[in-house]
Amino acid sequence: MRGVLSLDGLPKGQGHTYRAIGERMGVTGETAGQIAAGKHRASSE
């Protein structure tokens, strides 16, 4: 994913945070997107 590759371009603090969040959640950006879409859909109903 571009997000993973672009981590090098982010401040170390942000890159580490995003990486830690991803590892902690154990999901990929794609999965996170699906979860976000699900929450958005659920909240709109």
C-alpha atoms as a PDB file:
ATOM      1  CA  MET A   1       0.000   0.000   0.000  1.00  0.00           C
ATOM      2  CA  ARG A   2       1.110   3.550  -0.630  1.00  0.00           C
ATOM      3  CA  GLY A   3       0.363   4.418   2.992  1.00  0.00           C
ATOM      4  CA  VAL A   4       2.962   1.936   4.164  1.00  0.00           C
ATOM      5  CA  LEU A   5       5.573   3.210   1.737  1.00  0.00           C
ATOM      6  CA  SER A   6       4.849   6.851   2.562  1.00  0.00           C
ATOM      7  CA  LEU A   7       5.467   6.289   6.278  1.00  0.00           C
ATOM      8  CA  ASP A   8       9.113   7.122   5.575  1.00  0.00           C
ATOM      9  CA  GLY A   9       7.985  10.584   4.477  1.00  0.00           C
ATOM     10  CA  LEU A  10       6.101  11.269   7.693  1.00  0.00           C
ATOM     11  CA  PRO A  11       7.588  12.591  10.927  1.00  0.00           C
ATOM     12  CA  LYS A  12       9.005   9.696  12.945  1.00  0.00           C
ATOM     13  CA  GLY A  13       6.374  10.245  15.630  1.00  0.00           C
ATOM     14  CA  GLN A  14       3.482   9.914  13.208  1.00  0.00           C
ATOM     15  CA  GLY A  15       4.999   7.029  11.290  1.00  0.00           C
ATOM     16  CA  HIS A  16       5.651   5.095  14.487  1.00  0.00           C
ATOM     17  CA  THR A  17       2.145   5.849  15.767  1.00  0.00           C
ATOM     18  CA  TYR A  18       0.416   4.695  12.591  1.00  0.00           C
ATOM     19  CA  ARG A  19       2.582   1.600  12.503  1.00  0.00           C
ATOM     20  CA  ALA A  20       1.869   0.825  16.156  1.00  0.00           C
ATOM     21  CA  ILE A  21      -1.863   1.301  15.600  1.00  0.00           C
ATOM     22  CA  GLY A  22      -1.802  -1.012  12.589  1.00  0.00           C
ATOM     23  CA  GLU A  23       0.163  -3.670  14.464  1.00  0.00           C
ATOM     24  CA  ARG A  24      -2.017  -3.335  17.552  1.00  0.00           C
ATOM     25  CA  MET A  25      -5.253  -3.573  15.551  1.00  0.00           C
ATOM     26  CA  GLY A  26      -3.769  -6.316  13.414  1.00  0.00           C
ATOM     27  CA  VAL A  27      -5.529  -5.022  10.318  1.00  0.00           C
ATOM     28  CA  THR A  28      -4.434  -3.721   6.946  1.00  0.00           C
ATOM     29  CA  GLY A  29      -5.370  -0.343   5.523  1.00  0.00           C
ATOM     30  CA  GLU A  30      -7.922  -2.080   3.331  1.00  0.00           C
ATOM     31  CA  THR A  31      -9.541  -3.799   6.308  1.00  0.00           C
ATOM     32  CA  ALA A  32      -9.508  -0.542   8.278  1.00  0.00           C
ATOM     33  CA  GLY A  33     -11.279   1.107   5.351  1.00  0.00           C
ATOM     34  CA  GLN A  34     -13.947  -1.585   5.375  1.00  0.00           C
ATOM     35  CA  ILE A  35     -14.411  -1.158   9.134  1.00  0.00           C
ATOM     36  CA  ALA A  36     -14.699   2.616   8.724  1.00  0.00           C
ATOM     37  CA  ALA A  37     -17.219   2.127   5.920  1.00  0.00           C
ATOM     38  CA  GLY A  38     -19.192  -0.250   8.118  1.00  0.00           C
ATOM     39  CA  LYS A  39     -19.243   2.220  10.999  1.00  0.00           C
ATOM     40  CA  HIS A  40     -20.289   5.030   8.668  1.00  0.00           C
ATOM     41  CA  ARG A  41     -23.067   2.886   7.219  1.00  0.00           C
ATOM     42  CA  ALA A  42     -24.221   1.804  10.683  1.00  0.00           C
ATOM     43  CA  SER A  43     -24.237   5.352  12.026  1.00  0.00           C
ATOM     44  CA  SER A  44     -26.244   6.617   9.055  1.00  0.00           C
ATOM     45  CA  GLU A  45     -29.022   4.069   9.611  1.00  0.00           C
END
